Amino acid sequence: AGEAALSRVTAPTLLIVGGADYGVIELNQQAYALMNCERELTLIPGATHLFEEPGTLQQAAGSAAEWFVRNL
């Protein structure tokens, strides 16, 4: 069911994942491959699942802001 839903996504999509969140990276790579829309997968180096490492949450926010400027 999830695969079919991902293939129907039409909105531009940004996936942000911590570079040290290995299981979640793989899940997001699979989701990315199934999507047919404009999409971007951004890895934040050194970040784990909750972006608790110094500077990683700010880096994720900055990546999101840049993406929104380009896509809205």
PDB file of N, CA and C in Angstrom:
ATOM      1  N   ALA A   1       0.824  -1.198   0.000  1.00  0.00           N
ATOM      2  CA  ALA A   1       0.000   0.000   0.000  1.00  0.00           C
ATOM      3  C   ALA A   1       0.860   1.250   0.000  1.00  0.00           C
ATOM      4  N   GLY A   2       1.951   1.266   0.782  1.00  0.00           N
ATOM      5  CA  GLY A   2       2.823   2.427   0.855  1.00  0.00           C
ATOM      6  C   GLY A   2       3.501   2.726  -0.462  1.00  0.00           C
ATOM      7  N   GLU A   3       3.919   1.668  -1.166  1.00  0.00           N
ATOM      8  CA  GLU A   3       4.589   1.864  -2.447  1.00  0.00           C
ATOM      9  C   GLU A   3       3.653   2.515  -3.453  1.00  0.00           C
ATOM     10  N   ALA A   4       2.415   2.069  -3.498  1.00  0.00           N
ATOM     11  CA  ALA A   4       1.447   2.645  -4.429  1.00  0.00           C
ATOM     12  C   ALA A   4       1.192   4.106  -4.094  1.00  0.00           C
ATOM     13  N   ALA A   5       1.089   4.412  -2.819  1.00  0.00           N
ATOM     14  CA  ALA A   5       0.850   5.795  -2.402  1.00  0.00           C
ATOM     15  C   ALA A   5       2.026   6.683  -2.783  1.00  0.00           C
ATOM     16  N   LEU A   6       3.235   6.216  -2.565  1.00  0.00           N
ATOM     17  CA  LEU A   6       4.409   7.019  -2.911  1.00  0.00           C
ATOM     18  C   LEU A   6       4.467   7.294  -4.409  1.00  0.00           C
ATOM     19  N   SER A   7       4.086   6.342  -5.208  1.00  0.00           N
ATOM     20  CA  SER A   7       4.137   6.542  -6.661  1.00  0.00           C
ATOM     21  C   SER A   7       3.097   7.549  -7.137  1.00  0.00           C
ATOM     22  N   ARG A   8       2.103   7.851  -6.302  1.00  0.00           N
ATOM     23  CA  ARG A   8       1.065   8.822  -6.671  1.00  0.00           C
ATOM     24  C   ARG A   8       1.347  10.236  -6.164  1.00  0.00           C
ATOM     25  N   VAL A   9       2.406  10.426  -5.425  1.00  0.00           N
ATOM     26  CA  VAL A   9       2.731  11.766  -4.925  1.00  0.00           C
ATOM     27  C   VAL A   9       3.077  12.655  -6.113  1.00  0.00           C
ATOM     28  N   THR A  10       2.445  13.825  -6.172  1.00  0.00           N
ATOM     29  CA  THR A  10       2.700  14.750  -7.281  1.00  0.00           C
ATOM     30  C   THR A  10       3.351  16.054  -6.827  1.00  0.00           C
ATOM     31  N   ALA A  11       3.280  16.358  -5.557  1.00  0.00           N
ATOM     32  CA  ALA A  11       3.857  17.600  -5.042  1.00  0.00           C
ATOM     33  C   ALA A  11       5.372  17.467  -4.923  1.00  0.00           C
ATOM     34  N   PRO A  12       6.115  18.529  -5.226  1.00  0.00           N
ATOM     35  CA  PRO A  12       7.552  18.497  -4.973  1.00  0.00           C
ATOM     36  C   PRO A  12       7.797  18.114  -3.510  1.00  0.00           C
ATOM     37  N   THR A  13       8.776  17.248  -3.298  1.00  0.00           N
ATOM     38  CA  THR A  13       8.981  16.667  -1.974  1.00  0.00           C
ATOM     39  C   THR A  13      10.445  16.740  -1.568  1.00  0.00           C
ATOM     40  N   LEU A  14      10.673  17.167  -0.333  1.00  0.00           N
ATOM     41  CA  LEU A  14      12.009  17.196   0.252  1.00  0.00           C
ATOM     42  C   LEU A  14      12.066  16.178   1.376  1.00  0.00           C
ATOM     43  N   LEU A  15      13.045  15.299   1.312  1.00  0.00           N
ATOM     44  CA  LEU A  15      13.303  14.325   2.368  1.00  0.00           C
ATOM     45  C   LEU A  15      14.615  14.721   3.033  1.00  0.00           C
ATOM     46  N   ILE A  16      14.595  14.974   4.337  1.00  0.00           N
ATOM     47  CA  ILE A  16      15.799  15.343   5.079  1.00  0.00           C
ATOM     48  C   ILE A  16      16.071  14.252   6.098  1.00  0.00           C
ATOM     49  N   VAL A  17      17.288  13.728   6.075  1.00  0.00           N
ATOM     50  CA  VAL A  17      17.652  12.607   6.936  1.00  0.00           C
ATOM     51  C   VAL A  17      19.033  12.864   7.529  1.00  0.00           C
ATOM     52  N   GLY A  18      19.201  12.462   8.773  1.00  0.00           N
ATOM     53  CA  GLY A  18      20.515  12.535   9.396  1.00  0.00           C
ATOM     54  C   GLY A  18      21.479  11.566   8.734  1.00  0.00           C
ATOM     55  N   GLY A  19      22.671  12.021   8.464  1.00  0.00           N
ATOM     56  CA  GLY A  19      23.674  11.197   7.803  1.00  0.00           C
ATOM     57  C   GLY A  19      24.134  10.005   8.621  1.00  0.00           C
ATOM     58  N   ALA A  20      23.853  10.006   9.917  1.00  0.00           N
ATOM     59  CA  ALA A  20      24.212   8.881  10.780  1.00  0.00           C
ATOM     60  C   ALA A  20      22.972   8.097  11.215  1.00  0.00           C
ATOM     61  N   ASP A  21      21.864   8.309  10.537  1.00  0.00           N
ATOM     62  CA  ASP A  21      20.605   7.615  10.852  1.00  0.00           C
ATOM     63  C   ASP A  21      20.393   6.527   9.793  1.00  0.00           C
ATOM     64  N   TYR A  22      21.250   5.506   9.855  1.00  0.00           N
ATOM     65  CA  TYR A  22      21.418   4.561   8.756  1.00  0.00           C
ATOM     66  C   TYR A  22      20.141   3.847   8.324  1.00  0.00           C
ATOM     67  N   GLY A  23      19.358   3.321   9.236  1.00  0.00           N
ATOM     68  CA  GLY A  23      18.125   2.641   8.856  1.00  0.00           C
ATOM     69  C   GLY A  23      17.145   3.564   8.174  1.00  0.00           C
ATOM     70  N   VAL A  24      17.073   4.792   8.656  1.00  0.00           N
ATOM     71  CA  VAL A  24      16.146   5.768   8.083  1.00  0.00           C
ATOM     72  C   VAL A  24      16.650   6.255   6.722  1.00  0.00           C
ATOM     73  N   ILE A  25      17.958   6.319   6.546  1.00  0.00           N
ATOM     74  CA  ILE A  25      18.502   6.682   5.230  1.00  0.00           C
ATOM     75  C   ILE A  25      18.001   5.689   4.191  1.00  0.00           C
ATOM     76  N   GLU A  26      18.120   4.413   4.505  1.00  0.00           N
ATOM     77  CA  GLU A  26      17.690   3.381   3.561  1.00  0.00           C
ATOM     78  C   GLU A  26      16.197   3.492   3.249  1.00  0.00           C
ATOM     79  N   LEU A  27      15.380   3.714   4.265  1.00  0.00           N
ATOM     80  CA  LEU A  27      13.938   3.865   4.042  1.00  0.00           C
ATOM     81  C   LEU A  27      13.641   5.057   3.138  1.00  0.00           C
ATOM     82  N   ASN A  28      14.344   6.157   3.350  1.00  0.00           N
ATOM     83  CA  ASN A  28      14.125   7.345   2.531  1.00  0.00           C
ATOM     84  C   ASN A  28      14.631   7.149   1.113  1.00  0.00           C
ATOM     85  N   GLN A  29      15.713   6.403   0.942  1.00  0.00           N
ATOM     86  CA  GLN A  29      16.195   6.098  -0.405  1.00  0.00           C
ATOM     87  C   GLN A  29      15.172   5.259  -1.164  1.00  0.00           C
ATOM     88  N   GLN A  30      14.555   4.321  -0.458  1.00  0.00           N
ATOM     89  CA  GLN A  30      13.514   3.500  -1.085  1.00  0.00           C
ATOM     90  C   GLN A  30      12.311   4.355  -1.463  1.00  0.00           C
ATOM     91  N   ALA A  31      11.895   5.233  -0.559  1.00  0.00           N
ATOM     92  CA  ALA A  31      10.768   6.121  -0.847  1.00  0.00           C
ATOM     93  C   ALA A  31      11.088   7.013  -2.040  1.00  0.00           C
ATOM     94  N   TYR A  32      12.286   7.579  -2.055  1.00  0.00           N
ATOM     95  CA  TYR A  32      12.726   8.449  -3.148  1.00  0.00           C
ATOM     96  C   TYR A  32      12.616   7.721  -4.488  1.00  0.00           C
ATOM     97  N   ALA A  33      13.066   6.476  -4.511  1.00  0.00           N
ATOM     98  CA  ALA A  33      13.053   5.701  -5.751  1.00  0.00           C
ATOM     99  C   ALA A  33      11.636   5.431  -6.250  1.00  0.00           C
ATOM    100  N   LEU A  34      10.686   5.357  -5.350  1.00  0.00           N
ATOM    101  CA  LEU A  34       9.300   5.057  -5.722  1.00  0.00           C
ATOM    102  C   LEU A  34       8.511   6.289  -6.154  1.00  0.00           C
ATOM    103  N   MET A  35       8.984   7.458  -5.810  1.00  0.00           N
ATOM    104  CA  MET A  35       8.256   8.689  -6.123  1.00  0.00           C
ATOM    105  C   MET A  35       8.504   9.098  -7.570  1.00  0.00           C
ATOM    106  N   ASN A  36       7.468   9.634  -8.199  1.00  0.00           N
ATOM    107  CA  ASN A  36       7.573  10.083  -9.588  1.00  0.00           C
ATOM    108  C   ASN A  36       7.538  11.601  -9.714  1.00  0.00           C
ATOM    109  N   CYS A  37       7.521  12.284  -8.594  1.00  0.00           N
ATOM    110  CA  CYS A  37       7.448  13.744  -8.583  1.00  0.00           C
ATOM    111  C   CYS A  37       8.858  14.339  -8.526  1.00  0.00           C
ATOM    112  N   GLU A  38       8.917  15.670  -8.605  1.00  0.00           N
ATOM    113  CA  GLU A  38      10.180  16.349  -8.347  1.00  0.00           C
ATOM    114  C   GLU A  38      10.518  16.101  -6.881  1.00  0.00           C
ATOM    115  N   ARG A  39      11.737  15.642  -6.613  1.00  0.00           N
ATOM    116  CA  ARG A  39      12.088  15.269  -5.250  1.00  0.00           C
ATOM    117  C   ARG A  39      13.566  15.488  -5.002  1.00  0.00           C
ATOM    118  N   GLU A  40      13.880  15.608  -3.724  1.00  0.00           N
ATOM    119  CA  GLU A  40      15.272  15.790  -3.306  1.00  0.00           C
ATOM    120  C   GLU A  40      15.462  15.068  -1.986  1.00  0.00           C
ATOM    121  N   LEU A  41      16.567  14.366  -1.866  1.00  0.00           N
ATOM    122  CA  LEU A  41      16.943  13.697  -0.627  1.00  0.00           C
ATOM    123  C   LEU A  41      18.199  14.380  -0.111  1.00  0.00           C
ATOM    124  N   THR A  42      18.106  14.957   1.065  1.00  0.00           N
ATOM    125  CA  THR A  42      19.224  15.679   1.667  1.00  0.00           C
ATOM    126  C   THR A  42      19.686  14.947   2.915  1.00  0.00           C
ATOM    127  N   LEU A  43      20.976  14.635   2.968  1.00  0.00           N
ATOM    128  CA  LEU A  43      21.575  14.020   4.152  1.00  0.00           C
ATOM    129  C   LEU A  43      22.335  15.089   4.919  1.00  0.00           C
ATOM    130  N   ILE A  44      22.093  15.152   6.215  1.00  0.00           N
ATOM    131  CA  ILE A  44      22.788  16.104   7.077  1.00  0.00           C
ATOM    132  C   ILE A  44      23.940  15.354   7.744  1.00  0.00           C
ATOM    133  N   PRO A  45      25.185  15.654   7.363  1.00  0.00           N
ATOM    134  CA  PRO A  45      26.336  14.910   7.879  1.00  0.00           C
ATOM    135  C   PRO A  45      26.404  14.924   9.409  1.00  0.00           C
ATOM    136  N   GLY A  46      26.654  13.755   9.978  1.00  0.00           N
ATOM    137  CA  GLY A  46      26.848  13.637  11.421  1.00  0.00           C
ATOM    138  C   GLY A  46      25.583  13.654  12.250  1.00  0.00           C
ATOM    139  N   ALA A  47      24.436  13.849  11.626  1.00  0.00           N
ATOM    140  CA  ALA A  47      23.177  13.943  12.377  1.00  0.00           C
ATOM    141  C   ALA A  47      22.571  12.562  12.592  1.00  0.00           C
ATOM    142  N   THR A  48      22.037  12.354  13.785  1.00  0.00           N
ATOM    143  CA  THR A  48      21.278  11.143  14.068  1.00  0.00           C
ATOM    144  C   THR A  48      19.794  11.465  13.911  1.00  0.00           C
ATOM    145  N   HIS A  49      18.942  10.578  14.383  1.00  0.00           N
ATOM    146  CA  HIS A  49      17.508  10.658  14.105  1.00  0.00           C
ATOM    147  C   HIS A  49      16.856  11.970  14.545  1.00  0.00           C
ATOM    148  N   LEU A  50      17.226  12.495  15.682  1.00  0.00           N
ATOM    149  CA  LEU A  50      16.572  13.696  16.213  1.00  0.00           C
ATOM    150  C   LEU A  50      17.360  14.983  15.970  1.00  0.00           C
ATOM    151  N   PHE A  51      18.451  14.907  15.208  1.00  0.00           N
ATOM    152  CA  PHE A  51      19.270  16.085  14.898  1.00  0.00           C
ATOM    153  C   PHE A  51      19.706  16.796  16.182  1.00  0.00           C
ATOM    154  N   GLU A  52      20.129  16.014  17.173  1.00  0.00           N
ATOM    155  CA  GLU A  52      20.530  16.585  18.466  1.00  0.00           C
ATOM    156  C   GLU A  52      21.982  17.052  18.491  1.00  0.00           C
ATOM    157  N   GLU A  53      22.759  16.662  17.519  1.00  0.00           N
ATOM    158  CA  GLU A  53      24.166  17.043  17.475  1.00  0.00           C
ATOM    159  C   GLU A  53      24.278  18.538  17.163  1.00  0.00           C
ATOM    160  N   PRO A  54      25.261  19.206  17.763  1.00  0.00           N
ATOM    161  CA  PRO A  54      25.392  20.655  17.579  1.00  0.00           C
ATOM    162  C   PRO A  54      25.403  21.060  16.099  1.00  0.00           C
ATOM    163  N   GLY A  55      24.530  21.979  15.773  1.00  0.00           N
ATOM    164  CA  GLY A  55      24.480  22.549  14.434  1.00  0.00           C
ATOM    165  C   GLY A  55      23.674  21.767  13.415  1.00  0.00           C
ATOM    166  N   THR A  56      23.326  20.519  13.718  1.00  0.00           N
ATOM    167  CA  THR A  56      22.663  19.715  12.691  1.00  0.00           C
ATOM    168  C   THR A  56      21.211  20.131  12.459  1.00  0.00           C
ATOM    169  N   LEU A  57      20.516  20.515  13.500  1.00  0.00           N
ATOM    170  CA  LEU A  57      19.132  20.965  13.321  1.00  0.00           C
ATOM    171  C   LEU A  57      19.097  22.263  12.519  1.00  0.00           C
ATOM    172  N   GLN A  58      20.040  23.152  12.788  1.00  0.00           N
ATOM    173  CA  GLN A  58      20.127  24.401  12.034  1.00  0.00           C
ATOM    174  C   GLN A  58      20.455  24.117  10.567  1.00  0.00           C
ATOM    175  N   GLN A  59      21.315  23.137  10.332  1.00  0.00           N
ATOM    176  CA  GLN A  59      21.655  22.784   8.955  1.00  0.00           C
ATOM    177  C   GLN A  59      20.434  22.212   8.232  1.00  0.00           C
ATOM    178  N   ALA A  60      19.662  21.377   8.922  1.00  0.00           N
ATOM    179  CA  ALA A  60      18.437  20.829   8.328  1.00  0.00           C
ATOM    180  C   ALA A  60      17.451  21.952   8.017  1.00  0.00           C
ATOM    181  N   ALA A  61      17.303  22.888   8.944  1.00  0.00           N
ATOM    182  CA  ALA A  61      16.393  24.020   8.733  1.00  0.00           C
ATOM    183  C   ALA A  61      16.857  24.872   7.555  1.00  0.00           C
ATOM    184  N   GLY A  62      18.151  25.099   7.455  1.00  0.00           N
ATOM    185  CA  GLY A  62      18.690  25.869   6.339  1.00  0.00           C
ATOM    186  C   GLY A  62      18.458  25.179   5.007  1.00  0.00           C
ATOM    187  N   SER A  63      18.649  23.870   4.980  1.00  0.00           N
ATOM    188  CA  SER A  63      18.392  23.107   3.754  1.00  0.00           C
ATOM    189  C   SER A  63      16.929  23.196   3.357  1.00  0.00           C
ATOM    190  N   ALA A  64      16.048  23.107   4.343  1.00  0.00           N
ATOM    191  CA  ALA A  64      14.613  23.205   4.066  1.00  0.00           C
ATOM    192  C   ALA A  64      14.264  24.591   3.536  1.00  0.00           C
ATOM    193  N   ALA A  65      14.809  25.626   4.155  1.00  0.00           N
ATOM    194  CA  ALA A  65      14.520  26.993   3.716  1.00  0.00           C
ATOM    195  C   ALA A  65      14.968  27.206   2.272  1.00  0.00           C
ATOM    196  N   GLU A  66      16.165  26.733   1.933  1.00  0.00           N
ATOM    197  CA  GLU A  66      16.667  26.864   0.565  1.00  0.00           C
ATOM    198  C   GLU A  66      15.772  26.120  -0.417  1.00  0.00           C
ATOM    199  N   TRP A  67      15.339  24.930  -0.027  1.00  0.00           N
ATOM    200  CA  TRP A  67      14.472  24.127  -0.890  1.00  0.00           C
ATOM    201  C   TRP A  67      13.146  24.845  -1.130  1.00  0.00           C
ATOM    202  N   PHE A  68      12.560  25.416  -0.060  1.00  0.00           N
ATOM    203  CA  PHE A  68      11.292  26.128  -0.208  1.00  0.00           C
ATOM    204  C   PHE A  68      11.438  27.333  -1.130  1.00  0.00           C
ATOM    205  N   VAL A  69      12.530  28.049  -1.046  1.00  0.00           N
ATOM    206  CA  VAL A  69      12.755  29.196  -1.929  1.00  0.00           C
ATOM    207  C   VAL A  69      12.792  28.731  -3.389  1.00  0.00           C
ATOM    208  N   ARG A  70      13.432  27.608  -3.637  1.00  0.00           N
ATOM    209  CA  ARG A  70      13.539  27.090  -5.005  1.00  0.00           C
ATOM    210  C   ARG A  70      12.233  26.493  -5.528  1.00  0.00           C
ATOM    211  N   ASN A  71      11.389  25.997  -4.639  1.00  0.00           N
ATOM    212  CA  ASN A  71      10.238  25.203  -5.085  1.00  0.00           C
ATOM    213  C   ASN A  71       8.874  25.828  -4.837  1.00  0.00           C
ATOM    214  N   LEU A  72       8.824  26.988  -4.197  1.00  0.00           N
ATOM    215  CA  LEU A  72       7.528  27.632  -3.972  1.00  0.00           C
ATOM    216  C   LEU A  72       7.417  28.915  -4.766  1.00  0.00           C
TER     217      LEU A  72
END
